[in-house]
């Protein structure tokens, strides 16, 4: 069954910073190569920095990271335009100044990495107007910085449907930080949040990549935050909470506001390459 074609492919080399759009990428058990390859450690709390706690880390979304060498060196563009590399000593100090926190740039997470999350006052969220702390990477290989699973998929049908439900919103894929944006076939474009039906299925991308779709992606405050030319808009999260609350298997089947799906790589062979334009099919 045809699900669409890969329209966009994204990598976010530093957790909670804006990422880079790619034409192709190697994908394996740890997701897109060098995706979330780095994160910041708050030396005061011992927790991983995440824009899910925007009071502390929202400014990271005004930074943009890109991979600049095959051995994993990244270049970070700061909000005022200066660019610093991860193999230069100035980057940690610049990010500490930007955030007002003493940080370290990590390539390997602590033994039990945790982040803090702010839950805004929105109907449908598990908690409201509070900050919690919890482990990350429950659906990912050890030694990674993913919030849950290594791959995040979203369709153009979902984005268009959300825009139709919240016409005044600035619905832009960059807010939701997927790895793959899949162009839905014409017959599916008016069917709403079509990824929900993929949960539990295996999909194939091109000739060499097979992914298991594991769970819808619960949404947090991040898509509502300003980043680049995108403005702050809590209405986006309210619209998701109002219109799409599927059960989340990773959280015991609790119905939560979700958009897009998480997936993991199921091939036991070496990593393969995804290209923009690759066909996406339901595997038989």
C-alpha atoms as a PDB file:
ATOM      1  CA  UNK A   1       0.000   0.000   0.000  1.00  0.00           C
ATOM      2  CA  UNK A   2       1.403   3.379  -1.038  1.00  0.00           C
ATOM      3  CA  UNK A   3       1.701   5.870   1.841  1.00  0.00           C
ATOM      4  CA  UNK A   4       3.475   8.628  -0.063  1.00  0.00           C
ATOM      5  CA  UNK A   5       6.976   9.883  -0.837  1.00  0.00           C
ATOM      6  CA  UNK A   6       9.685  11.468   1.283  1.00  0.00           C
ATOM      7  CA  UNK A   7       9.244  15.221   0.785  1.00  0.00           C
ATOM      8  CA  UNK A   8      11.640  16.529   3.443  1.00  0.00           C
ATOM      9  CA  UNK A   9      14.437  15.003   5.505  1.00  0.00           C
ATOM     10  CA  UNK A  10      15.739  16.740   8.638  1.00  0.00           C
ATOM     11  CA  UNK A  11      18.558  16.308  11.129  1.00  0.00           C
ATOM     12  CA  UNK A  12      18.948  18.170  14.446  1.00  0.00           C
ATOM     13  CA  UNK A  13      22.608  17.745  15.412  1.00  0.00           C
ATOM     14  CA  UNK A  14      22.236  19.467  18.815  1.00  0.00           C
ATOM     15  CA  UNK A  15      19.238  18.663  20.963  1.00  0.00           C
ATOM     16  CA  UNK A  16      16.711  21.538  21.157  1.00  0.00           C
ATOM     17  CA  UNK A  17      18.448  23.622  18.508  1.00  0.00           C
ATOM     18  CA  UNK A  18      17.060  24.152  15.024  1.00  0.00           C
ATOM     19  CA  UNK A  19      18.366  21.683  12.501  1.00  0.00           C
ATOM     20  CA  UNK A  20      19.287  21.232   8.855  1.00  0.00           C
ATOM     21  CA  UNK A  21      17.306  20.061   5.851  1.00  0.00           C
ATOM     22  CA  UNK A  22      18.993  17.278   3.871  1.00  0.00           C
ATOM     23  CA  UNK A  23      18.713  15.731   0.432  1.00  0.00           C
ATOM     24  CA  UNK A  24      19.678  12.280   1.720  1.00  0.00           C
ATOM     25  CA  UNK A  25      20.878  10.705   4.958  1.00  0.00           C
ATOM     26  CA  UNK A  26      22.118   7.422   6.336  1.00  0.00           C
ATOM     27  CA  UNK A  27      19.615   5.831   8.720  1.00  0.00           C
ATOM     28  CA  UNK A  28      20.193   3.003  11.184  1.00  0.00           C
ATOM     29  CA  UNK A  29      19.337   1.827  14.696  1.00  0.00           C
ATOM     30  CA  UNK A  30      20.278   5.262  16.086  1.00  0.00           C
ATOM     31  CA  UNK A  31      18.075   7.097  13.580  1.00  0.00           C
ATOM     32  CA  UNK A  32      19.381   9.632  11.088  1.00  0.00           C
ATOM     33  CA  UNK A  33      23.164   9.785  11.253  1.00  0.00           C
ATOM     34  CA  UNK A  34      24.270  12.363  13.871  1.00  0.00           C
ATOM     35  CA  UNK A  35      20.692  13.369  14.684  1.00  0.00           C
ATOM     36  CA  UNK A  36      20.698  14.581  18.298  1.00  0.00           C
ATOM     37  CA  UNK A  37      24.373  13.726  18.265  1.00  0.00           C
ATOM     38  CA  UNK A  38      25.018  16.397  20.903  1.00  0.00           C
ATOM     39  CA  UNK A  39      23.165  17.846  23.865  1.00  0.00           C
ATOM     40  CA  UNK A  40      23.879  20.376  26.585  1.00  0.00           C
ATOM     41  CA  UNK A  41      24.283  19.310  30.202  1.00  0.00           C
ATOM     42  CA  UNK A  42      23.154  21.737  32.896  1.00  0.00           C
ATOM     43  CA  UNK A  43      26.026  21.510  35.370  1.00  0.00           C
ATOM     44  CA  UNK A  44      23.843  22.838  38.182  1.00  0.00           C
ATOM     45  CA  UNK A  45      21.104  20.206  37.939  1.00  0.00           C
ATOM     46  CA  UNK A  46      22.844  17.392  36.049  1.00  0.00           C
ATOM     47  CA  UNK A  47      19.927  17.306  33.594  1.00  0.00           C
ATOM     48  CA  UNK A  48      19.946  17.506  29.806  1.00  0.00           C
ATOM     49  CA  UNK A  49      18.916  20.897  28.430  1.00  0.00           C
ATOM     50  CA  UNK A  50      15.576  20.800  26.618  1.00  0.00           C
ATOM     51  CA  UNK A  51      13.386  23.545  25.193  1.00  0.00           C
ATOM     52  CA  UNK A  52      10.513  21.650  26.783  1.00  0.00           C
ATOM     53  CA  UNK A  53      11.447  23.822  29.786  1.00  0.00           C
ATOM     54  CA  UNK A  54      11.384  27.119  27.874  1.00  0.00           C
ATOM     55  CA  UNK A  55      12.109  29.409  30.811  1.00  0.00           C
ATOM     56  CA  UNK A  56      15.559  27.838  31.062  1.00  0.00           C
ATOM     57  CA  UNK A  57      16.239  26.636  27.538  1.00  0.00           C
ATOM     58  CA  UNK A  58      13.870  28.316  25.084  1.00  0.00           C
ATOM     59  CA  UNK A  59      16.736  30.397  23.679  1.00  0.00           C
ATOM     60  CA  UNK A  60      18.281  27.253  22.224  1.00  0.00           C
ATOM     61  CA  UNK A  61      15.576  27.309  19.539  1.00  0.00           C
ATOM     62  CA  UNK A  62      17.125  30.545  18.281  1.00  0.00           C
ATOM     63  CA  UNK A  63      20.363  28.653  17.551  1.00  0.00           C
ATOM     64  CA  UNK A  64      20.860  26.529  14.452  1.00  0.00           C
ATOM     65  CA  UNK A  65      23.215  23.550  14.186  1.00  0.00           C
ATOM     66  CA  UNK A  66      24.610  21.758  11.160  1.00  0.00           C
ATOM     67  CA  UNK A  67      27.085  18.941  10.649  1.00  0.00           C
ATOM     68  CA  UNK A  68      30.331  20.143   9.071  1.00  0.00           C
ATOM     69  CA  UNK A  69      32.546  17.041   9.032  1.00  0.00           C
ATOM     70  CA  UNK A  70      32.199  13.288   8.650  1.00  0.00           C
ATOM     71  CA  UNK A  71      33.552  12.706  12.168  1.00  0.00           C
ATOM     72  CA  UNK A  72      30.668  14.575  13.794  1.00  0.00           C
ATOM     73  CA  UNK A  73      31.901  18.140  14.197  1.00  0.00           C
ATOM     74  CA  UNK A  74      28.973  20.581  14.208  1.00  0.00           C
ATOM     75  CA  UNK A  75      28.751  24.311  13.634  1.00  0.00           C
ATOM     76  CA  UNK A  76      26.294  26.307  15.747  1.00  0.00           C
ATOM     77  CA  UNK A  77      24.948  29.616  14.535  1.00  0.00           C
ATOM     78  CA  UNK A  78      24.062  31.789  17.539  1.00  0.00           C
ATOM     79  CA  UNK A  79      21.070  34.179  17.525  1.00  0.00           C
ATOM     80  CA  UNK A  80      23.197  37.218  16.681  1.00  0.00           C
ATOM     81  CA  UNK A  81      24.775  35.407  13.707  1.00  0.00           C
ATOM     82  CA  UNK A  82      28.153  34.299  15.070  1.00  0.00           C
ATOM     83  CA  UNK A  83      29.114  30.735  14.139  1.00  0.00           C
ATOM     84  CA  UNK A  84      31.177  28.488  16.409  1.00  0.00           C
ATOM     85  CA  UNK A  85      32.255  24.872  15.975  1.00  0.00           C
ATOM     86  CA  UNK A  86      32.020  22.050  18.490  1.00  0.00           C
ATOM     87  CA  UNK A  87      35.783  21.486  18.199  1.00  0.00           C
ATOM     88  CA  UNK A  88      36.469  25.056  19.286  1.00  0.00           C
ATOM     89  CA  UNK A  89      36.741  26.002  22.934  1.00  0.00           C
ATOM     90  CA  UNK A  90      34.512  29.081  22.676  1.00  0.00           C
ATOM     91  CA  UNK A  91      31.215  27.305  22.030  1.00  0.00           C
ATOM     92  CA  UNK A  92      30.451  26.152  25.584  1.00  0.00           C
ATOM     93  CA  UNK A  93      31.142  29.613  26.986  1.00  0.00           C
ATOM     94  CA  UNK A  94      28.975  31.285  24.366  1.00  0.00           C
ATOM     95  CA  UNK A  95      26.062  28.939  25.087  1.00  0.00           C
ATOM     96  CA  UNK A  96      26.480  29.432  28.834  1.00  0.00           C
ATOM     97  CA  UNK A  97      26.250  33.188  28.297  1.00  0.00           C
ATOM     98  CA  UNK A  98      23.216  32.799  26.032  1.00  0.00           C
ATOM     99  CA  UNK A  99      21.257  30.643  28.466  1.00  0.00           C
ATOM    100  CA  UNK A 100      22.519  32.051  31.740  1.00  0.00           C
ATOM    101  CA  UNK A 101      23.357  28.496  32.827  1.00  0.00           C
ATOM    102  CA  UNK A 102      26.725  26.774  33.214  1.00  0.00           C
ATOM    103  CA  UNK A 103      26.669  24.078  30.532  1.00  0.00           C
ATOM    104  CA  UNK A 104      28.807  21.385  28.952  1.00  0.00           C
ATOM    105  CA  UNK A 105      28.430  20.141  25.392  1.00  0.00           C
ATOM    106  CA  UNK A 106      28.072  16.343  25.446  1.00  0.00           C
ATOM    107  CA  UNK A 107      28.289  13.627  22.809  1.00  0.00           C
ATOM    108  CA  UNK A 108      27.595  10.840  25.313  1.00  0.00           C
ATOM    109  CA  UNK A 109      24.665  11.136  27.750  1.00  0.00           C
ATOM    110  CA  UNK A 110      24.837  10.444  31.485  1.00  0.00           C
ATOM    111  CA  UNK A 111      23.893   6.956  32.628  1.00  0.00           C
ATOM    112  CA  UNK A 112      20.275   7.984  33.303  1.00  0.00           C
ATOM    113  CA  UNK A 113      19.603  11.153  31.260  1.00  0.00           C
ATOM    114  CA  UNK A 114      16.675  13.286  32.380  1.00  0.00           C
ATOM    115  CA  UNK A 115      15.025  16.443  31.118  1.00  0.00           C
ATOM    116  CA  UNK A 116      12.580  18.866  32.659  1.00  0.00           C
ATOM    117  CA  UNK A 117       9.252  19.573  30.965  1.00  0.00           C
ATOM    118  CA  UNK A 118       6.905  22.504  31.403  1.00  0.00           C
ATOM    119  CA  UNK A 119       3.249  21.552  30.902  1.00  0.00           C
ATOM    120  CA  UNK A 120       1.306  24.676  29.870  1.00  0.00           C
ATOM    121  CA  UNK A 121      -2.248  25.328  31.002  1.00  0.00           C
ATOM    122  CA  UNK A 122      -3.977  23.530  28.113  1.00  0.00           C
ATOM    123  CA  UNK A 123      -6.966  21.197  28.300  1.00  0.00           C
ATOM    124  CA  UNK A 124      -6.034  17.625  27.426  1.00  0.00           C
ATOM    125  CA  UNK A 125      -2.468  17.589  28.725  1.00  0.00           C
ATOM    126  CA  UNK A 126      -1.513  15.081  31.381  1.00  0.00           C
ATOM    127  CA  UNK A 127      -0.530  17.942  33.706  1.00  0.00           C
ATOM    128  CA  UNK A 128      -1.141  21.690  33.571  1.00  0.00           C
ATOM    129  CA  UNK A 129       1.004  24.690  34.482  1.00  0.00           C
ATOM    130  CA  UNK A 130       3.701  22.664  36.179  1.00  0.00           C
ATOM    131  CA  UNK A 131       7.266  21.436  35.606  1.00  0.00           C
ATOM    132  CA  UNK A 132       8.198  17.777  35.849  1.00  0.00           C
ATOM    133  CA  UNK A 133      11.430  15.830  35.473  1.00  0.00           C
ATOM    134  CA  UNK A 134      11.795  12.443  33.856  1.00  0.00           C
ATOM    135  CA  UNK A 135      13.990  10.029  31.946  1.00  0.00           C
ATOM    136  CA  UNK A 136      14.315  10.166  28.170  1.00  0.00           C
ATOM    137  CA  UNK A 137      15.038   7.612  25.474  1.00  0.00           C
ATOM    138  CA  UNK A 138      12.708   4.833  26.606  1.00  0.00           C
ATOM    139  CA  UNK A 139      12.220   3.703  22.991  1.00  0.00           C
ATOM    140  CA  UNK A 140      15.756   4.375  21.741  1.00  0.00           C
ATOM    141  CA  UNK A 141      19.136   2.613  21.957  1.00  0.00           C
ATOM    142  CA  UNK A 142      21.280   3.412  24.980  1.00  0.00           C
ATOM    143  CA  UNK A 143      23.708   6.265  24.629  1.00  0.00           C
ATOM    144  CA  UNK A 144      21.368   8.578  22.704  1.00  0.00           C
ATOM    145  CA  UNK A 145      19.644  11.880  23.461  1.00  0.00           C
ATOM    146  CA  UNK A 146      16.211  11.192  21.940  1.00  0.00           C
ATOM    147  CA  UNK A 147      13.139  12.092  23.957  1.00  0.00           C
ATOM    148  CA  UNK A 148      11.644   8.706  23.115  1.00  0.00           C
ATOM    149  CA  UNK A 149      12.407   6.986  19.795  1.00  0.00           C
ATOM    150  CA  UNK A 150      15.111   7.628  17.181  1.00  0.00           C
ATOM    151  CA  UNK A 151      12.846   8.615  14.283  1.00  0.00           C
ATOM    152  CA  UNK A 152       9.911  11.002  14.014  1.00  0.00           C
ATOM    153  CA  UNK A 153       7.590  10.947  10.975  1.00  0.00           C
ATOM    154  CA  UNK A 154       4.879  13.371   9.876  1.00  0.00           C
ATOM    155  CA  UNK A 155       2.749  13.712   6.728  1.00  0.00           C
ATOM    156  CA  UNK A 156       1.712  16.699   4.678  1.00  0.00           C
ATOM    157  CA  UNK A 157      -1.886  15.550   5.198  1.00  0.00           C
ATOM    158  CA  UNK A 158      -1.568  16.050   8.943  1.00  0.00           C
ATOM    159  CA  UNK A 159      -0.044  19.500   8.574  1.00  0.00           C
ATOM    160  CA  UNK A 160      -2.729  20.574   6.098  1.00  0.00           C
ATOM    161  CA  UNK A 161      -5.516  19.200   8.293  1.00  0.00           C
ATOM    162  CA  UNK A 162      -4.233  21.030  11.357  1.00  0.00           C
ATOM    163  CA  UNK A 163      -4.033  24.233   9.331  1.00  0.00           C
ATOM    164  CA  UNK A 164      -7.662  23.783   8.247  1.00  0.00           C
ATOM    165  CA  UNK A 165      -8.699  23.334  11.876  1.00  0.00           C
ATOM    166  CA  UNK A 166      -6.674  26.332  13.091  1.00  0.00           C
ATOM    167  CA  UNK A 167      -6.686  28.675  10.131  1.00  0.00           C
ATOM    168  CA  UNK A 168      -5.154  31.626  11.973  1.00  0.00           C
ATOM    169  CA  UNK A 169      -2.148  29.593  13.116  1.00  0.00           C
ATOM    170  CA  UNK A 170       1.294  29.608  11.526  1.00  0.00           C
ATOM    171  CA  UNK A 171       1.422  25.849  10.950  1.00  0.00           C
ATOM    172  CA  UNK A 172       4.962  25.116   9.818  1.00  0.00           C
ATOM    173  CA  UNK A 173       6.734  21.773   9.865  1.00  0.00           C
ATOM    174  CA  UNK A 174       9.746  23.350  11.584  1.00  0.00           C
ATOM    175  CA  UNK A 175       7.700  23.747  14.765  1.00  0.00           C
ATOM    176  CA  UNK A 176       7.255  19.979  15.126  1.00  0.00           C
ATOM    177  CA  UNK A 177      10.842  18.855  14.425  1.00  0.00           C
ATOM    178  CA  UNK A 178      10.229  15.615  12.467  1.00  0.00           C
ATOM    179  CA  UNK A 179      12.988  13.701  10.707  1.00  0.00           C
ATOM    180  CA  UNK A 180      10.835  12.735   7.734  1.00  0.00           C
ATOM    181  CA  UNK A 181       8.012  14.673   6.138  1.00  0.00           C
ATOM    182  CA  UNK A 182       6.010  12.363   3.887  1.00  0.00           C
ATOM    183  CA  UNK A 183       4.007  13.770   0.989  1.00  0.00           C
ATOM    184  CA  UNK A 184       0.680  11.972   1.217  1.00  0.00           C
ATOM    185  CA  UNK A 185      -0.946  10.712  -2.003  1.00  0.00           C
ATOM    186  CA  UNK A 186      -3.803  12.813  -3.298  1.00  0.00           C
ATOM    187  CA  UNK A 187      -6.482  10.358  -2.184  1.00  0.00           C
ATOM    188  CA  UNK A 188      -5.281  10.642   1.440  1.00  0.00           C
ATOM    189  CA  UNK A 189      -4.911  14.410   1.662  1.00  0.00           C
ATOM    190  CA  UNK A 190      -8.377  14.996   3.094  1.00  0.00           C
ATOM    191  CA  UNK A 191      -8.277  12.133   5.607  1.00  0.00           C
ATOM    192  CA  UNK A 192      -6.845  14.037   8.537  1.00  0.00           C
ATOM    193  CA  UNK A 193      -4.227  12.683  10.919  1.00  0.00           C
ATOM    194  CA  UNK A 194      -3.433   9.636   8.805  1.00  0.00           C
ATOM    195  CA  UNK A 195      -0.266   8.569  10.678  1.00  0.00           C
ATOM    196  CA  UNK A 196      -2.374   7.445  13.653  1.00  0.00           C
ATOM    197  CA  UNK A 197      -3.385   4.367  11.616  1.00  0.00           C
ATOM    198  CA  UNK A 198       0.261   3.408  11.036  1.00  0.00           C
ATOM    199  CA  UNK A 199       0.977   2.600  14.687  1.00  0.00           C
ATOM    200  CA  UNK A 200       2.039  -1.032  15.037  1.00  0.00           C
ATOM    201  CA  UNK A 201       2.794  -1.317  11.322  1.00  0.00           C
ATOM    202  CA  UNK A 202       6.070  -1.683   9.439  1.00  0.00           C
ATOM    203  CA  UNK A 203       6.709   0.698   6.589  1.00  0.00           C
ATOM    204  CA  UNK A 204       9.346   0.557   3.892  1.00  0.00           C
ATOM    205  CA  UNK A 205      11.148   3.574   2.479  1.00  0.00           C
ATOM    206  CA  UNK A 206      12.848   3.106  -0.852  1.00  0.00           C
ATOM    207  CA  UNK A 207      14.563  -0.255  -1.227  1.00  0.00           C
ATOM    208  CA  UNK A 208      16.606  -0.527   1.939  1.00  0.00           C
ATOM    209  CA  UNK A 209      14.904   1.033   4.967  1.00  0.00           C
ATOM    210  CA  UNK A 210      12.203  -0.656   7.060  1.00  0.00           C
ATOM    211  CA  UNK A 211      10.737   1.136  10.071  1.00  0.00           C
ATOM    212  CA  UNK A 212       8.384  -0.017  12.811  1.00  0.00           C
ATOM    213  CA  UNK A 213       5.904   2.695  13.782  1.00  0.00           C
ATOM    214  CA  UNK A 214       5.634   2.486  17.546  1.00  0.00           C
ATOM    215  CA  UNK A 215       3.462   5.275  18.936  1.00  0.00           C
ATOM    216  CA  UNK A 216       1.925   8.670  18.199  1.00  0.00           C
ATOM    217  CA  UNK A 217       4.085  11.614  19.305  1.00  0.00           C
ATOM    218  CA  UNK A 218       2.648  13.407  22.365  1.00  0.00           C
ATOM    219  CA  UNK A 219       2.986  17.142  21.854  1.00  0.00           C
ATOM    220  CA  UNK A 220       4.454  19.586  24.328  1.00  0.00           C
ATOM    221  CA  UNK A 221       5.069  23.316  24.552  1.00  0.00           C
ATOM    222  CA  UNK A 222       7.891  23.367  21.955  1.00  0.00           C
ATOM    223  CA  UNK A 223       5.739  23.792  18.797  1.00  0.00           C
ATOM    224  CA  UNK A 224       4.215  26.914  20.350  1.00  0.00           C
ATOM    225  CA  UNK A 225       7.539  28.661  21.002  1.00  0.00           C
ATOM    226  CA  UNK A 226       9.181  31.359  18.859  1.00  0.00           C
ATOM    227  CA  UNK A 227      12.048  30.110  16.710  1.00  0.00           C
ATOM    228  CA  UNK A 228      13.603  31.837  13.737  1.00  0.00           C
ATOM    229  CA  UNK A 229      10.776  33.607  11.921  1.00  0.00           C
ATOM    230  CA  UNK A 230       8.055  31.585  13.698  1.00  0.00           C
ATOM    231  CA  UNK A 231       6.075  33.436  16.346  1.00  0.00           C
ATOM    232  CA  UNK A 232       4.873  32.218  19.736  1.00  0.00           C
ATOM    233  CA  UNK A 233       1.402  30.645  19.518  1.00  0.00           C
ATOM    234  CA  UNK A 234      -0.087  28.516  22.303  1.00  0.00           C
ATOM    235  CA  UNK A 235      -3.168  28.097  20.106  1.00  0.00           C
ATOM    236  CA  UNK A 236      -1.333  25.461  18.090  1.00  0.00           C
ATOM    237  CA  UNK A 237      -1.133  23.126  21.080  1.00  0.00           C
ATOM    238  CA  UNK A 238      -4.729  23.877  22.001  1.00  0.00           C
ATOM    239  CA  UNK A 239      -5.842  22.932  18.484  1.00  0.00           C
ATOM    240  CA  UNK A 240      -3.939  19.632  18.624  1.00  0.00           C
ATOM    241  CA  UNK A 241      -5.405  18.884  22.059  1.00  0.00           C
ATOM    242  CA  UNK A 242      -8.916  19.626  20.821  1.00  0.00           C
ATOM    243  CA  UNK A 243      -8.783  17.592  17.618  1.00  0.00           C
ATOM    244  CA  UNK A 244      -6.279  14.724  17.904  1.00  0.00           C
ATOM    245  CA  UNK A 245      -5.978  12.682  21.082  1.00  0.00           C
ATOM    246  CA  UNK A 246      -5.202   9.092  20.081  1.00  0.00           C
ATOM    247  CA  UNK A 247      -4.155   6.426  22.591  1.00  0.00           C
ATOM    248  CA  UNK A 248      -0.398   6.370  23.192  1.00  0.00           C
ATOM    249  CA  UNK A 249       0.876   2.781  23.610  1.00  0.00           C
ATOM    250  CA  UNK A 250       4.144   4.005  25.124  1.00  0.00           C
ATOM    251  CA  UNK A 251       2.123   5.536  27.982  1.00  0.00           C
ATOM    252  CA  UNK A 252      -0.258   2.670  28.640  1.00  0.00           C
ATOM    253  CA  UNK A 253      -2.807   3.685  26.034  1.00  0.00           C
ATOM    254  CA  UNK A 254      -3.556   7.088  27.592  1.00  0.00           C
ATOM    255  CA  UNK A 255      -5.235   9.453  25.112  1.00  0.00           C
ATOM    256  CA  UNK A 256      -3.067  12.544  24.693  1.00  0.00           C
ATOM    257  CA  UNK A 257      -2.650  15.428  22.224  1.00  0.00           C
ATOM    258  CA  UNK A 258      -0.426  14.022  19.467  1.00  0.00           C
ATOM    259  CA  UNK A 259       0.894  14.891  16.042  1.00  0.00           C
ATOM    260  CA  UNK A 260       3.043  12.592  13.918  1.00  0.00           C
ATOM    261  CA  UNK A 261       4.450   9.205  14.939  1.00  0.00           C
ATOM    262  CA  UNK A 262       7.639   7.734  16.343  1.00  0.00           C
ATOM    263  CA  UNK A 263       9.414   4.878  14.585  1.00  0.00           C
ATOM    264  CA  UNK A 264      12.462   2.666  14.961  1.00  0.00           C
ATOM    265  CA  UNK A 265      14.728   1.002  12.408  1.00  0.00           C
ATOM    266  CA  UNK A 266      14.048  -2.734  12.113  1.00  0.00           C
ATOM    267  CA  UNK A 267      16.723  -3.929   9.649  1.00  0.00           C
ATOM    268  CA  UNK A 268      19.402  -6.157  11.181  1.00  0.00           C
ATOM    269  CA  UNK A 269      21.752  -5.305   8.338  1.00  0.00           C
ATOM    270  CA  UNK A 270      23.966  -2.257   7.978  1.00  0.00           C
ATOM    271  CA  UNK A 271      22.499   1.225   7.869  1.00  0.00           C
ATOM    272  CA  UNK A 272      20.856   2.325   4.621  1.00  0.00           C
ATOM    273  CA  UNK A 273      20.276   5.670   2.944  1.00  0.00           C
ATOM    274  CA  UNK A 274      17.014   7.579   2.608  1.00  0.00           C
ATOM    275  CA  UNK A 275      16.659  10.070  -0.225  1.00  0.00           C
ATOM    276  CA  UNK A 276      14.129  12.823  -0.734  1.00  0.00           C
ATOM    277  CA  UNK A 277      11.680  11.396  -3.273  1.00  0.00           C
ATOM    278  CA  UNK A 278      11.856   7.807  -1.980  1.00  0.00           C
ATOM    279  CA  UNK A 279       8.554   5.924  -2.079  1.00  0.00           C
ATOM    280  CA  UNK A 280       7.007   5.072   1.304  1.00  0.00           C
ATOM    281  CA  UNK A 281       4.876   1.919   1.476  1.00  0.00           C
ATOM    282  CA  UNK A 282       3.168  -0.199   4.086  1.00  0.00           C
ATOM    283  CA  UNK A 283       5.268  -3.364   4.319  1.00  0.00           C
ATOM    284  CA  UNK A 284       3.569  -6.700   3.708  1.00  0.00           C
END
